[in-house]
Amino acid sequence: ISLRGHTEGSVAFALDVEDGPTHLFTGDSLFPGGVGKTWSDEDFNR
């Protein structure tokens, strides 16, 4: 899953689990309390 903004090529990985919740490995794009750091309004909006 491409999540553009923290860097242009940032990606997350989704692990589907049988009979259980999905696990997302989000790097620095999503944290508890907010998205990752960006350096412009355009990057934040993306």
ModelCIF file with pLDDT and N, C-alpha, C, O atoms, coordinates in Angstrom:
data_MODEL
#
_entry.id   MODEL 
#
_entity.id                         1 
_entity.type                       polymer 
_entity.pdbx_number_of_molecules   1 
#
_entity_poly.entity_id                      1 
_entity_poly.type                           'polypeptide(L)' 
_entity_poly.nstd_linkage                   no 
_entity_poly.nstd_monomer                   no 
_entity_poly.pdbx_seq_one_letter_code       ISLRGHTEGSVAFALDVEDGPTHLFTGDSLFPGGVGKTWSDEDFNR 
_entity_poly.pdbx_seq_one_letter_code_can   ISLRGHTEGSVAFALDVEDGPTHLFTGDSLFPGGVGKTWSDEDFNR 
_entity_poly.pdbx_strand_id                 A 
#
loop_
_entity_poly_seq.entity_id 
_entity_poly_seq.num 
_entity_poly_seq.mon_id 
_entity_poly_seq.hetero 
1 1  ILE n 
1 2  SER n 
1 3  LEU n 
1 4  ARG n 
1 5  GLY n 
1 6  HIS n 
1 7  THR n 
1 8  GLU n 
1 9  GLY n 
1 10 SER n 
1 11 VAL n 
1 12 ALA n 
1 13 PHE n 
1 14 ALA n 
1 15 LEU n 
1 16 ASP n 
1 17 VAL n 
1 18 GLU n 
1 19 ASP n 
1 20 GLY n 
1 21 PRO n 
1 22 THR n 
1 23 HIS n 
1 24 LEU n 
1 25 PHE n 
1 26 THR n 
1 27 GLY n 
1 28 ASP n 
1 29 SER n 
1 30 LEU n 
1 31 PHE n 
1 32 PRO n 
1 33 GLY n 
1 34 GLY n 
1 35 VAL n 
1 36 GLY n 
1 37 LYS n 
1 38 THR n 
1 39 TRP n 
1 40 SER n 
1 41 ASP n 
1 42 GLU n 
1 43 ASP n 
1 44 PHE n 
1 45 ASN n 
1 46 ARG n 
#
_struct_asym.id          A 
_struct_asym.entity_id   1 
#
loop_
_ma_qa_metric.id 
_ma_qa_metric.mode 
_ma_qa_metric.name 
_ma_qa_metric.software_group_id 
_ma_qa_metric.type 
1 global pLDDT . pLDDT 
2 local  pLDDT . pLDDT 
#
_ma_qa_metric_global.metric_id      1 
_ma_qa_metric_global.metric_value   97.50 
_ma_qa_metric_global.model_id       1 
_ma_qa_metric_global.ordinal_id     1 
#
loop_
_ma_qa_metric_local.label_asym_id 
_ma_qa_metric_local.label_comp_id 
_ma_qa_metric_local.label_seq_id 
_ma_qa_metric_local.metric_id 
_ma_qa_metric_local.metric_value 
_ma_qa_metric_local.model_id 
_ma_qa_metric_local.ordinal_id 
A ILE 1  2 98.00 1 1  
A SER 2  2 98.00 1 2  
A LEU 3  2 98.00 1 3  
A ARG 4  2 98.00 1 4  
A GLY 5  2 98.00 1 5  
A HIS 6  2 98.00 1 6  
A THR 7  2 98.00 1 7  
A GLU 8  2 97.00 1 8  
A GLY 9  2 98.00 1 9  
A SER 10 2 98.00 1 10 
A VAL 11 2 98.00 1 11 
A ALA 12 2 98.00 1 12 
A PHE 13 2 98.00 1 13 
A ALA 14 2 98.00 1 14 
A LEU 15 2 98.00 1 15 
A ASP 16 2 97.00 1 16 
A VAL 17 2 97.00 1 17 
A GLU 18 2 92.00 1 18 
A ASP 19 2 92.00 1 19 
A GLY 20 2 96.00 1 20 
A PRO 21 2 98.00 1 21 
A THR 22 2 98.00 1 22 
A HIS 23 2 98.00 1 23 
A LEU 24 2 98.00 1 24 
A PHE 25 2 98.00 1 25 
A THR 26 2 98.00 1 26 
A GLY 27 2 98.00 1 27 
A ASP 28 2 98.00 1 28 
A SER 29 2 98.00 1 29 
A LEU 30 2 98.00 1 30 
A PHE 31 2 98.00 1 31 
A PRO 32 2 98.00 1 32 
A GLY 33 2 98.00 1 33 
A GLY 34 2 98.00 1 34 
A VAL 35 2 98.00 1 35 
A GLY 36 2 97.00 1 36 
A LYS 37 2 97.00 1 37 
A THR 38 2 98.00 1 38 
A TRP 39 2 96.00 1 39 
A SER 40 2 97.00 1 40 
A ASP 41 2 97.00 1 41 
A GLU 42 2 98.00 1 42 
A ASP 43 2 98.00 1 43 
A PHE 44 2 98.00 1 44 
A ASN 45 2 98.00 1 45 
A ARG 46 2 98.00 1 46 
#
loop_
_atom_site.group_PDB 
_atom_site.id 
_atom_site.type_symbol 
_atom_site.label_atom_id 
_atom_site.label_alt_id 
_atom_site.label_comp_id 
_atom_site.label_asym_id 
_atom_site.label_entity_id 
_atom_site.label_seq_id 
_atom_site.pdbx_PDB_ins_code 
_atom_site.Cartn_x 
_atom_site.Cartn_y 
_atom_site.Cartn_z 
_atom_site.occupancy 
_atom_site.B_iso_or_equiv 
_atom_site.pdbx_formal_charge 
_atom_site.auth_seq_id 
_atom_site.auth_comp_id 
_atom_site.auth_asym_id 
_atom_site.auth_atom_id 
_atom_site.pdbx_PDB_model_num 
ATOM 1   N N  . ILE A 1 1  ? 0.854   -1.182  0.000  1.00 98.00 ? 1  ILE A N  1 
ATOM 2   C CA . ILE A 1 1  ? 0.000   0.000   0.000  1.00 98.00 ? 1  ILE A CA 1 
ATOM 3   C C  . ILE A 1 1  ? 0.891   1.234   0.000  1.00 98.00 ? 1  ILE A C  1 
ATOM 4   O O  . ILE A 1 1  ? 1.608   1.486   0.968  1.00 98.00 ? 1  ILE A O  1 
ATOM 5   N N  . SER A 1 2  ? 0.846   1.992   -1.073 1.00 98.00 ? 2  SER A N  1 
ATOM 6   C CA . SER A 1 2  ? 1.635   3.215   -1.170 1.00 98.00 ? 2  SER A CA 1 
ATOM 7   C C  . SER A 1 2  ? 0.995   4.308   -0.322 1.00 98.00 ? 2  SER A C  1 
ATOM 8   O O  . SER A 1 2  ? -0.208  4.554   -0.414 1.00 98.00 ? 2  SER A O  1 
ATOM 9   N N  . LEU A 1 3  ? 1.812   4.963   0.508  1.00 98.00 ? 3  LEU A N  1 
ATOM 10  C CA . LEU A 1 3  ? 1.356   6.064   1.362  1.00 98.00 ? 3  LEU A CA 1 
ATOM 11  C C  . LEU A 1 3  ? 2.310   7.240   1.144  1.00 98.00 ? 3  LEU A C  1 
ATOM 12  O O  . LEU A 1 3  ? 3.277   7.414   1.885  1.00 98.00 ? 3  LEU A O  1 
ATOM 13  N N  . ARG A 1 4  ? 2.030   8.025   0.138  1.00 98.00 ? 4  ARG A N  1 
ATOM 14  C CA . ARG A 1 4  ? 2.954   9.080   -0.291 1.00 98.00 ? 4  ARG A CA 1 
ATOM 15  C C  . ARG A 1 4  ? 2.883   10.293  0.632  1.00 98.00 ? 4  ARG A C  1 
ATOM 16  O O  . ARG A 1 4  ? 1.801   10.701  1.054  1.00 98.00 ? 4  ARG A O  1 
ATOM 17  N N  . GLY A 1 5  ? 4.040   10.860  0.939  1.00 98.00 ? 5  GLY A N  1 
ATOM 18  C CA . GLY A 1 5  ? 4.063   12.083  1.729  1.00 98.00 ? 5  GLY A CA 1 
ATOM 19  C C  . GLY A 1 5  ? 5.220   12.157  2.695  1.00 98.00 ? 5  GLY A C  1 
ATOM 20  O O  . GLY A 1 5  ? 5.978   13.127  2.675  1.00 98.00 ? 5  GLY A O  1 
ATOM 21  N N  . HIS A 1 6  ? 5.379   11.132  3.559  1.00 98.00 ? 6  HIS A N  1 
ATOM 22  C CA . HIS A 1 6  ? 6.551   11.116  4.437  1.00 98.00 ? 6  HIS A CA 1 
ATOM 23  C C  . HIS A 1 6  ? 7.800   11.019  3.574  1.00 98.00 ? 6  HIS A C  1 
ATOM 24  O O  . HIS A 1 6  ? 8.755   11.772  3.765  1.00 98.00 ? 6  HIS A O  1 
ATOM 25  N N  . THR A 1 7  ? 7.789   10.096  2.632  1.00 98.00 ? 7  THR A N  1 
ATOM 26  C CA . THR A 1 7  ? 8.686   10.113  1.480  1.00 98.00 ? 7  THR A CA 1 
ATOM 27  C C  . THR A 1 7  ? 7.835   9.756   0.273  1.00 98.00 ? 7  THR A C  1 
ATOM 28  O O  . THR A 1 7  ? 6.715   9.264   0.417  1.00 98.00 ? 7  THR A O  1 
ATOM 29  N N  . GLU A 1 8  ? 8.362   10.003  -0.904 1.00 97.00 ? 8  GLU A N  1 
ATOM 30  C CA . GLU A 1 8  ? 7.599   9.717   -2.123 1.00 97.00 ? 8  GLU A CA 1 
ATOM 31  C C  . GLU A 1 8  ? 7.320   8.228   -2.271 1.00 97.00 ? 8  GLU A C  1 
ATOM 32  O O  . GLU A 1 8  ? 6.273   7.833   -2.785 1.00 97.00 ? 8  GLU A O  1 
ATOM 33  N N  . GLY A 1 9  ? 8.271   7.394   -1.811 1.00 98.00 ? 9  GLY A N  1 
ATOM 34  C CA . GLY A 1 9  ? 8.131   5.959   -2.008 1.00 98.00 ? 9  GLY A CA 1 
ATOM 35  C C  . GLY A 1 9  ? 7.723   5.182   -0.768 1.00 98.00 ? 9  GLY A C  1 
ATOM 36  O O  . GLY A 1 9  ? 7.889   3.963   -0.732 1.00 98.00 ? 9  GLY A O  1 
ATOM 37  N N  . SER A 1 10 ? 7.196   5.852   0.248  1.00 98.00 ? 10 SER A N  1 
ATOM 38  C CA . SER A 1 10 ? 6.777   5.144   1.463  1.00 98.00 ? 10 SER A CA 1 
ATOM 39  C C  . SER A 1 10 ? 5.684   4.125   1.149  1.00 98.00 ? 10 SER A C  1 
ATOM 40  O O  . SER A 1 10 ? 4.754   4.401   0.390  1.00 98.00 ? 10 SER A O  1 
ATOM 41  N N  . VAL A 1 11 ? 5.817   2.953   1.745  1.00 98.00 ? 11 VAL A N  1 
ATOM 42  C CA . VAL A 1 11 ? 4.814   1.900   1.569  1.00 98.00 ? 11 VAL A CA 1 
ATOM 43  C C  . VAL A 1 11 ? 4.484   1.277   2.922  1.00 98.00 ? 11 VAL A C  1 
ATOM 44  O O  . VAL A 1 11 ? 5.313   1.245   3.833  1.00 98.00 ? 11 VAL A O  1 
ATOM 45  N N  . ALA A 1 12 ? 3.258   0.785   3.027  1.00 98.00 ? 12 ALA A N  1 
ATOM 46  C CA . ALA A 1 12 ? 2.846   -0.051  4.154  1.00 98.00 ? 12 ALA A CA 1 
ATOM 47  C C  . ALA A 1 12 ? 2.614   -1.453  3.624  1.00 98.00 ? 12 ALA A C  1 
ATOM 48  O O  . ALA A 1 12 ? 2.433   -1.653  2.423  1.00 98.00 ? 12 ALA A O  1 
ATOM 49  N N  . PHE A 1 13 ? 2.622   -2.419  4.526  1.00 98.00 ? 13 PHE A N  1 
ATOM 50  C CA . PHE A 1 13 ? 2.389   -3.818  4.165  1.00 98.00 ? 13 PHE A CA 1 
ATOM 51  C C  . PHE A 1 13 ? 1.233   -4.352  4.988  1.00 98.00 ? 13 PHE A C  1 
ATOM 52  O O  . PHE A 1 13 ? 1.223   -4.226  6.212  1.00 98.00 ? 13 PHE A O  1 
ATOM 53  N N  . ALA A 1 14 ? 0.259   -4.947  4.317  1.00 98.00 ? 14 ALA A N  1 
ATOM 54  C CA . ALA A 1 14 ? -0.935  -5.472  4.979  1.00 98.00 ? 14 ALA A CA 1 
ATOM 55  C C  . ALA A 1 14 ? -0.888  -6.995  4.985  1.00 98.00 ? 14 ALA A C  1 
ATOM 56  O O  . ALA A 1 14 ? -0.782  -7.631  3.936  1.00 98.00 ? 14 ALA A O  1 
ATOM 57  N N  . LEU A 1 15 ? -0.969  -7.569  6.184  1.00 98.00 ? 15 LEU A N  1 
ATOM 58  C CA . LEU A 1 15 ? -1.010  -9.014  6.371  1.00 98.00 ? 15 LEU A CA 1 
ATOM 59  C C  . LEU A 1 15 ? -2.434  -9.418  6.716  1.00 98.00 ? 15 LEU A C  1 
ATOM 60  O O  . LEU A 1 15 ? -2.933  -9.094  7.793  1.00 98.00 ? 15 LEU A O  1 
ATOM 61  N N  . ASP A 1 16 ? -3.082  -10.120 5.812  1.00 97.00 ? 16 ASP A N  1 
ATOM 62  C CA . ASP A 1 16 ? -4.439  -10.608 6.059  1.00 97.00 ? 16 ASP A CA 1 
ATOM 63  C C  . ASP A 1 16 ? -4.361  -11.865 6.908  1.00 97.00 ? 16 ASP A C  1 
ATOM 64  O O  . ASP A 1 16 ? -3.523  -12.732 6.660  1.00 97.00 ? 16 ASP A O  1 
ATOM 65  N N  . VAL A 1 17 ? -5.221  -11.969 7.899  1.00 97.00 ? 17 VAL A N  1 
ATOM 66  C CA . VAL A 1 17 ? -5.191  -13.086 8.842  1.00 97.00 ? 17 VAL A CA 1 
ATOM 67  C C  . VAL A 1 17 ? -6.531  -13.802 8.813  1.00 97.00 ? 17 VAL A C  1 
ATOM 68  O O  . VAL A 1 17 ? -7.582  -13.179 8.963  1.00 97.00 ? 17 VAL A O  1 
ATOM 69  N N  . GLU A 1 18 ? -6.487  -15.107 8.620  1.00 92.00 ? 18 GLU A N  1 
ATOM 70  C CA . GLU A 1 18 ? -7.717  -15.897 8.604  1.00 92.00 ? 18 GLU A CA 1 
ATOM 71  C C  . GLU A 1 18 ? -8.386  -15.836 9.980  1.00 92.00 ? 18 GLU A C  1 
ATOM 72  O O  . GLU A 1 18 ? -7.762  -16.118 11.002 1.00 92.00 ? 18 GLU A O  1 
ATOM 73  N N  . ASP A 1 19 ? -9.661  -15.465 9.982  1.00 92.00 ? 19 ASP A N  1 
ATOM 74  C CA . ASP A 1 19 ? -10.445 -15.387 11.221 1.00 92.00 ? 19 ASP A CA 1 
ATOM 75  C C  . ASP A 1 19 ? -9.832  -14.432 12.241 1.00 92.00 ? 19 ASP A C  1 
ATOM 76  O O  . ASP A 1 19 ? -9.919  -14.667 13.447 1.00 92.00 ? 19 ASP A O  1 
ATOM 77  N N  . GLY A 1 20 ? -9.224  -13.375 11.764 1.00 96.00 ? 20 GLY A N  1 
ATOM 78  C CA . GLY A 1 20 ? -8.634  -12.399 12.673 1.00 96.00 ? 20 GLY A CA 1 
ATOM 79  C C  . GLY A 1 20 ? -8.441  -11.069 11.985 1.00 96.00 ? 20 GLY A C  1 
ATOM 80  O O  . GLY A 1 20 ? -8.642  -10.962 10.775 1.00 96.00 ? 20 GLY A O  1 
ATOM 81  N N  . PRO A 1 21 ? -8.051  -10.047 12.740 1.00 98.00 ? 21 PRO A N  1 
ATOM 82  C CA . PRO A 1 21 ? -7.862  -8.723  12.149 1.00 98.00 ? 21 PRO A CA 1 
ATOM 83  C C  . PRO A 1 21 ? -6.632  -8.655  11.251 1.00 98.00 ? 21 PRO A C  1 
ATOM 84  O O  . PRO A 1 21 ? -5.666  -9.397  11.430 1.00 98.00 ? 21 PRO A O  1 
ATOM 85  N N  . THR A 1 22 ? -6.694  -7.756  10.291 1.00 98.00 ? 22 THR A N  1 
ATOM 86  C CA . THR A 1 22 ? -5.546  -7.460  9.437  1.00 98.00 ? 22 THR A CA 1 
ATOM 87  C C  . THR A 1 22 ? -4.459  -6.772  10.259 1.00 98.00 ? 22 THR A C  1 
ATOM 88  O O  . THR A 1 22 ? -4.746  -6.034  11.201 1.00 98.00 ? 22 THR A O  1 
ATOM 89  N N  . HIS A 1 23 ? -3.210  -7.028  9.885  1.00 98.00 ? 23 HIS A N  1 
ATOM 90  C CA . HIS A 1 23 ? -2.066  -6.357  10.498 1.00 98.00 ? 23 HIS A CA 1 
ATOM 91  C C  . HIS A 1 23 ? -1.434  -5.438  9.464  1.00 98.00 ? 23 HIS A C  1 
ATOM 92  O O  . HIS A 1 23 ? -1.092  -5.878  8.367  1.00 98.00 ? 23 HIS A O  1 
ATOM 93  N N  . LEU A 1 24 ? -1.275  -4.158  9.809  1.00 98.00 ? 24 LEU A N  1 
ATOM 94  C CA . LEU A 1 24 ? -0.655  -3.179  8.927  1.00 98.00 ? 24 LEU A CA 1 
ATOM 95  C C  . LEU A 1 24 ? 0.700   -2.760  9.487  1.00 98.00 ? 24 LEU A C  1 
ATOM 96  O O  . LEU A 1 24 ? 0.808   -2.358  10.646 1.00 98.00 ? 24 LEU A O  1 
ATOM 97  N N  . PHE A 1 25 ? 1.723   -2.859  8.657  1.00 98.00 ? 25 PHE A N  1 
ATOM 98  C CA . PHE A 1 25 ? 3.063   -2.407  9.020  1.00 98.00 ? 25 PHE A CA 1 
ATOM 99  C C  . PHE A 1 25 ? 3.285   -1.089  8.270  1.00 98.00 ? 25 PHE A C  1 
ATOM 100 O O  . PHE A 1 25 ? 3.518   -1.086  7.062  1.00 98.00 ? 25 PHE A O  1 
ATOM 101 N N  . THR A 1 26 ? 3.209   0.025   8.998  1.00 98.00 ? 26 THR A N  1 
ATOM 102 C CA . THR A 1 26 ? 3.038   1.323   8.356  1.00 98.00 ? 26 THR A CA 1 
ATOM 103 C C  . THR A 1 26 ? 4.287   2.188   8.297  1.00 98.00 ? 26 THR A C  1 
ATOM 104 O O  . THR A 1 26 ? 4.213   3.321   7.821  1.00 98.00 ? 26 THR A O  1 
ATOM 105 N N  . GLY A 1 27 ? 5.422   1.702   8.757  1.00 98.00 ? 27 GLY A N  1 
ATOM 106 C CA . GLY A 1 27 ? 6.624   2.533   8.720  1.00 98.00 ? 27 GLY A CA 1 
ATOM 107 C C  . GLY A 1 27 ? 6.398   3.828   9.467  1.00 98.00 ? 27 GLY A C  1 
ATOM 108 O O  . GLY A 1 27 ? 5.876   3.828   10.582 1.00 98.00 ? 27 GLY A O  1 
ATOM 109 N N  . ASP A 1 28 ? 6.793   4.944   8.847  1.00 98.00 ? 28 ASP A N  1 
ATOM 110 C CA . ASP A 1 28 ? 6.620   6.252   9.488  1.00 98.00 ? 28 ASP A CA 1 
ATOM 111 C C  . ASP A 1 28 ? 5.443   7.026   8.890  1.00 98.00 ? 28 ASP A C  1 
ATOM 112 O O  . ASP A 1 28 ? 5.406   8.253   8.970  1.00 98.00 ? 28 ASP A O  1 
ATOM 113 N N  . SER A 1 29 ? 4.487   6.318   8.294  1.00 98.00 ? 29 SER A N  1 
ATOM 114 C CA . SER A 1 29 ? 3.348   6.995   7.682  1.00 98.00 ? 29 SER A CA 1 
ATOM 115 C C  . SER A 1 29 ? 2.145   7.116   8.606  1.00 98.00 ? 29 SER A C  1 
ATOM 116 O O  . SER A 1 29 ? 1.337   8.030   8.440  1.00 98.00 ? 29 SER A O  1 
ATOM 117 N N  . LEU A 1 30 ? 2.008   6.225   9.566  1.00 98.00 ? 30 LEU A N  1 
ATOM 118 C CA . LEU A 1 30 ? 0.881   6.279   10.498 1.00 98.00 ? 30 LEU A CA 1 
ATOM 119 C C  . LEU A 1 30 ? 1.326   5.785   11.862 1.00 98.00 ? 30 LEU A C  1 
ATOM 120 O O  . LEU A 1 30 ? 1.928   4.720   11.996 1.00 98.00 ? 30 LEU A O  1 
ATOM 121 N N  . PHE A 1 31 ? 1.010   6.597   12.880 1.00 98.00 ? 31 PHE A N  1 
ATOM 122 C CA . PHE A 1 31 ? 1.338   6.297   14.270 1.00 98.00 ? 31 PHE A CA 1 
ATOM 123 C C  . PHE A 1 31 ? 0.097   6.466   15.135 1.00 98.00 ? 31 PHE A C  1 
ATOM 124 O O  . PHE A 1 31 ? -0.906  7.005   14.667 1.00 98.00 ? 31 PHE A O  1 
ATOM 125 N N  . PRO A 1 32 ? 0.143   6.019   16.386 1.00 98.00 ? 32 PRO A N  1 
ATOM 126 C CA . PRO A 1 32 ? -0.898  6.438   17.321 1.00 98.00 ? 32 PRO A CA 1 
ATOM 127 C C  . PRO A 1 32 ? -0.885  7.965   17.430 1.00 98.00 ? 32 PRO A C  1 
ATOM 128 O O  . PRO A 1 32 ? 0.139   8.556   17.774 1.00 98.00 ? 32 PRO A O  1 
ATOM 129 N N  . GLY A 1 33 ? -2.007  8.592   17.142 1.00 98.00 ? 33 GLY A N  1 
ATOM 130 C CA . GLY A 1 33 ? -2.085  10.036  17.291 1.00 98.00 ? 33 GLY A CA 1 
ATOM 131 C C  . GLY A 1 33 ? -1.827  10.859  16.058 1.00 98.00 ? 33 GLY A C  1 
ATOM 132 O O  . GLY A 1 33 ? -1.890  12.087  16.122 1.00 98.00 ? 33 GLY A O  1 
ATOM 133 N N  . GLY A 1 34 ? -1.536  10.229  14.930 1.00 98.00 ? 34 GLY A N  1 
ATOM 134 C CA . GLY A 1 34 ? -1.351  11.040  13.730 1.00 98.00 ? 34 GLY A CA 1 
ATOM 135 C C  . GLY A 1 34 ? -0.548  10.367  12.642 1.00 98.00 ? 34 GLY A C  1 
ATOM 136 O O  . GLY A 1 34 ? -0.046  9.254   12.801 1.00 98.00 ? 34 GLY A O  1 
ATOM 137 N N  . VAL A 1 35 ? -0.440  11.080  11.523 1.00 98.00 ? 35 VAL A N  1 
ATOM 138 C CA . VAL A 1 35 ? 0.366   10.595  10.403 1.00 98.00 ? 35 VAL A CA 1 
ATOM 139 C C  . VAL A 1 35 ? 1.821   10.988  10.624 1.00 98.00 ? 35 VAL A C  1 
ATOM 140 O O  . VAL A 1 35 ? 2.144   11.722  11.558 1.00 98.00 ? 35 VAL A O  1 
ATOM 141 N N  . GLY A 1 36 ? 2.692   10.491  9.752  1.00 97.00 ? 36 GLY A N  1 
ATOM 142 C CA . GLY A 1 36 ? 4.111   10.766  9.880  1.00 97.00 ? 36 GLY A CA 1 
ATOM 143 C C  . GLY A 1 36 ? 4.470   12.205  9.525  1.00 97.00 ? 36 GLY A C  1 
ATOM 144 O O  . GLY A 1 36 ? 3.649   12.960  9.006  1.00 97.00 ? 36 GLY A O  1 
ATOM 145 N N  . LYS A 1 37 ? 5.689   12.555  9.811  1.00 97.00 ? 37 LYS A N  1 
ATOM 146 C CA . LYS A 1 37 ? 6.176   13.909  9.550  1.00 97.00 ? 37 LYS A CA 1 
ATOM 147 C C  . LYS A 1 37 ? 6.214   14.192  8.057  1.00 97.00 ? 37 LYS A C  1 
ATOM 148 O O  . LYS A 1 37 ? 6.603   13.337  7.261  1.00 97.00 ? 37 LYS A O  1 
ATOM 149 N N  . THR A 1 38 ? 5.807   15.402  7.685  1.00 98.00 ? 38 THR A N  1 
ATOM 150 C CA . THR A 1 38 ? 5.932   15.868  6.302  1.00 98.00 ? 38 THR A CA 1 
ATOM 151 C C  . THR A 1 38 ? 6.591   17.239  6.319  1.00 98.00 ? 38 THR A C  1 
ATOM 152 O O  . THR A 1 38 ? 6.717   17.870  7.369  1.00 98.00 ? 38 THR A O  1 
ATOM 153 N N  . TRP A 1 39 ? 7.016   17.695  5.128  1.00 96.00 ? 39 TRP A N  1 
ATOM 154 C CA . TRP A 1 39 ? 7.802   18.921  5.051  1.00 96.00 ? 39 TRP A CA 1 
ATOM 155 C C  . TRP A 1 39 ? 7.129   20.009  4.218  1.00 96.00 ? 39 TRP A C  1 
ATOM 156 O O  . TRP A 1 39 ? 7.743   21.040  3.945  1.00 96.00 ? 39 TRP A O  1 
ATOM 157 N N  . SER A 1 40 ? 5.891   19.799  3.814  1.00 97.00 ? 40 SER A N  1 
ATOM 158 C CA . SER A 1 40 ? 5.139   20.819  3.088  1.00 97.00 ? 40 SER A CA 1 
ATOM 159 C C  . SER A 1 40 ? 3.657   20.510  3.223  1.00 97.00 ? 40 SER A C  1 
ATOM 160 O O  . SER A 1 40 ? 3.275   19.380  3.530  1.00 97.00 ? 40 SER A O  1 
ATOM 161 N N  . ASP A 1 41 ? 2.821   21.522  2.993  1.00 97.00 ? 41 ASP A N  1 
ATOM 162 C CA . ASP A 1 41 ? 1.378   21.306  3.024  1.00 97.00 ? 41 ASP A CA 1 
ATOM 163 C C  . ASP A 1 41 ? 0.961   20.294  1.973  1.00 97.00 ? 41 ASP A C  1 
ATOM 164 O O  . ASP A 1 41 ? 0.072   19.477  2.209  1.00 97.00 ? 41 ASP A O  1 
ATOM 165 N N  . GLU A 1 42 ? 1.594   20.346  0.826  1.00 98.00 ? 42 GLU A N  1 
ATOM 166 C CA . GLU A 1 42 ? 1.261   19.406  -0.247 1.00 98.00 ? 42 GLU A CA 1 
ATOM 167 C C  . GLU A 1 42 ? 1.542   17.968  0.187  1.00 98.00 ? 42 GLU A C  1 
ATOM 168 O O  . GLU A 1 42 ? 0.721   17.076  -0.030 1.00 98.00 ? 42 GLU A O  1 
ATOM 169 N N  . ASP A 1 43 ? 2.702   17.751  0.799  1.00 98.00 ? 43 ASP A N  1 
ATOM 170 C CA . ASP A 1 43 ? 3.042   16.396  1.247  1.00 98.00 ? 43 ASP A CA 1 
ATOM 171 C C  . ASP A 1 43 ? 2.091   15.927  2.340  1.00 98.00 ? 43 ASP A C  1 
ATOM 172 O O  . ASP A 1 43 ? 1.667   14.771  2.343  1.00 98.00 ? 43 ASP A O  1 
ATOM 173 N N  . PHE A 1 44 ? 1.755   16.820  3.268  1.00 98.00 ? 44 PHE A N  1 
ATOM 174 C CA . PHE A 1 44 ? 0.811   16.428  4.318  1.00 98.00 ? 44 PHE A CA 1 
ATOM 175 C C  . PHE A 1 44 ? -0.533  16.033  3.726  1.00 98.00 ? 44 PHE A C  1 
ATOM 176 O O  . PHE A 1 44 ? -1.109  15.014  4.108  1.00 98.00 ? 44 PHE A O  1 
ATOM 177 N N  . ASN A 1 45 ? -1.030  16.835  2.798  1.00 98.00 ? 45 ASN A N  1 
ATOM 178 C CA . ASN A 1 45 ? -2.329  16.517  2.202  1.00 98.00 ? 45 ASN A CA 1 
ATOM 179 C C  . ASN A 1 45 ? -2.298  15.202  1.441  1.00 98.00 ? 45 ASN A C  1 
ATOM 180 O O  . ASN A 1 45 ? -3.267  14.443  1.484  1.00 98.00 ? 45 ASN A O  1 
ATOM 181 N N  . ARG A 1 46 ? -1.221  14.924  0.758  1.00 98.00 ? 46 ARG A N  1 
ATOM 182 C CA . ARG A 1 46 ? -1.104  13.642  0.052  1.00 98.00 ? 46 ARG A CA 1 
ATOM 183 C C  . ARG A 1 46 ? -1.092  12.484  1.041  1.00 98.00 ? 46 ARG A C  1 
ATOM 184 O O  . ARG A 1 46 ? -1.000  11.326  0.634  1.00 98.00 ? 46 ARG A O  1 
#
